[in-house]
Amino acid sequence: MKSNLAQHVIQNNPDADFSTGDVVVYMNHIKFDDLKTVEAFQPAEYYWLEGGQLVHRTDIQLASSVEIKAQRRLSATELSIAEVP
C-alpha cells in the first residue's frame, strides 16, 4: 500500500486551514489570478500548491464556486455581481 505522508499530515492536522485538493486563489494583494490546488501543509502555516509554490495561509483563500467556474480569481465587483440572483 502506497502512503502519501504529506496528505496524511494535512488531513489529520487541526491547525490546517485547507485540505489536500482544495482549490484556492491568491488574496487580492497578490497579482496572480490563477486557481491553484493545495498539495500539502507545511509546519508554520505554509502550504505547497501545485506547480511548487510555497505560500503562507494568509496569502490564499478558498476559491468560490463562481471562481472555479470562471477558472480564475474574480475581483470584488465581479464577485458581488455574481452573487446577485
Protein backbone atom coordinates (compact mmCIF):
# COMPACT_ATOMS: atom_id res chain seq x y z
CA MET A 1 0.00 0.00 0.00
CA LYS A 2 1.42 3.36 -1.04
CA SER A 3 1.20 6.15 1.57
CA ASN A 4 1.29 9.88 0.98
CA LEU A 5 2.69 11.30 4.23
CA ALA A 6 2.02 14.93 3.26
CA GLN A 7 -1.63 14.15 2.59
CA HIS A 8 -1.90 12.26 5.89
CA VAL A 9 -0.37 15.19 7.80
CA ILE A 10 -2.68 17.81 6.28
CA GLN A 11 -5.86 15.78 6.81
CA ASN A 12 -5.06 14.99 10.43
CA ASN A 13 -3.75 18.40 11.45
CA PRO A 14 -6.29 20.57 13.31
CA ASP A 15 -4.16 23.65 12.54
CA ALA A 16 -4.56 23.24 8.77
CA ASP A 17 -7.00 25.72 7.20
CA PHE A 18 -7.03 23.91 3.86
CA SER A 19 -7.14 20.26 2.83
CA THR A 20 -5.25 18.44 0.12
CA GLY A 21 -7.09 19.03 -3.14
CA ASP A 22 -8.75 22.32 -2.09
CA VAL A 23 -8.91 24.85 -4.90
CA VAL A 24 -7.63 28.24 -3.74
CA VAL A 25 -6.97 31.69 -5.14
CA TYR A 26 -4.37 34.21 -4.08
CA MET A 27 -5.57 37.13 -1.99
CA ASN A 28 -6.13 40.41 -3.84
CA HIS A 29 -2.78 41.95 -2.83
CA ILE A 30 -1.06 39.29 -4.94
CA LYS A 31 -1.37 39.96 -8.66
CA PHE A 32 -1.96 36.36 -9.81
CA ASP A 33 -5.50 35.39 -10.84
CA ASP A 34 -4.81 31.68 -11.30
CA LEU A 35 -6.62 28.96 -9.41
CA LYS A 36 -4.27 26.62 -7.55
CA THR A 37 -4.72 23.27 -5.82
CA VAL A 38 -3.35 22.62 -2.34
CA GLU A 39 -0.91 19.72 -2.35
CA ALA A 40 0.49 19.68 1.19
CA PHE A 41 0.61 21.51 4.53
CA GLN A 42 3.95 22.56 5.98
CA PRO A 43 4.57 23.44 9.62
CA ALA A 44 4.36 27.15 10.47
CA GLU A 45 1.19 27.74 8.42
CA TYR A 46 2.59 27.27 4.91
CA TYR A 47 1.09 25.29 2.04
CA TRP A 48 2.59 23.72 -1.07
CA LEU A 49 0.47 24.45 -4.13
CA GLU A 50 0.51 22.73 -7.50
CA GLY A 51 3.45 23.93 -9.52
CA GLY A 52 5.70 24.06 -6.48
CA GLN A 53 4.70 27.39 -4.92
CA LEU A 54 5.08 27.63 -1.15
CA VAL A 55 2.63 30.18 0.30
CA HIS A 56 1.58 31.37 3.74
CA ARG A 57 -2.03 30.64 4.70
CA THR A 58 -2.86 34.37 4.82
CA ASP A 59 -1.96 34.74 1.13
CA ILE A 60 -4.63 32.33 -0.15
CA GLN A 61 -8.34 31.71 0.30
CA LEU A 62 -10.75 29.05 -0.90
CA ALA A 63 -11.99 29.72 -4.42
CA SER A 64 -15.73 30.38 -4.68
CA SER A 65 -17.86 28.21 -6.96
CA VAL A 66 -18.13 31.17 -9.36
CA GLU A 67 -14.32 31.49 -9.48
CA ILE A 68 -13.97 27.77 -10.12
CA LYS A 69 -16.46 28.04 -12.98
CA ALA A 70 -14.60 31.07 -14.40
CA GLN A 71 -11.27 29.30 -13.76
CA ARG A 72 -9.72 32.46 -12.30
CA ARG A 73 -9.85 34.79 -9.30
CA LEU A 74 -12.63 37.35 -9.65
CA SER A 75 -12.47 40.95 -8.48
CA ALA A 76 -14.65 42.06 -5.57
CA THR A 77 -17.01 43.74 -8.06
CA GLU A 78 -17.30 40.60 -10.19
CA LEU A 79 -17.98 38.51 -7.10
CA SER A 80 -20.72 40.84 -5.89
CA ILE A 81 -22.41 40.79 -9.31
CA ALA A 82 -22.17 37.00 -9.42
CA GLU A 83 -23.89 36.70 -6.03
CA VAL A 84 -26.99 38.61 -7.16
CA PRO A 85 -29.72 36.11 -8.17
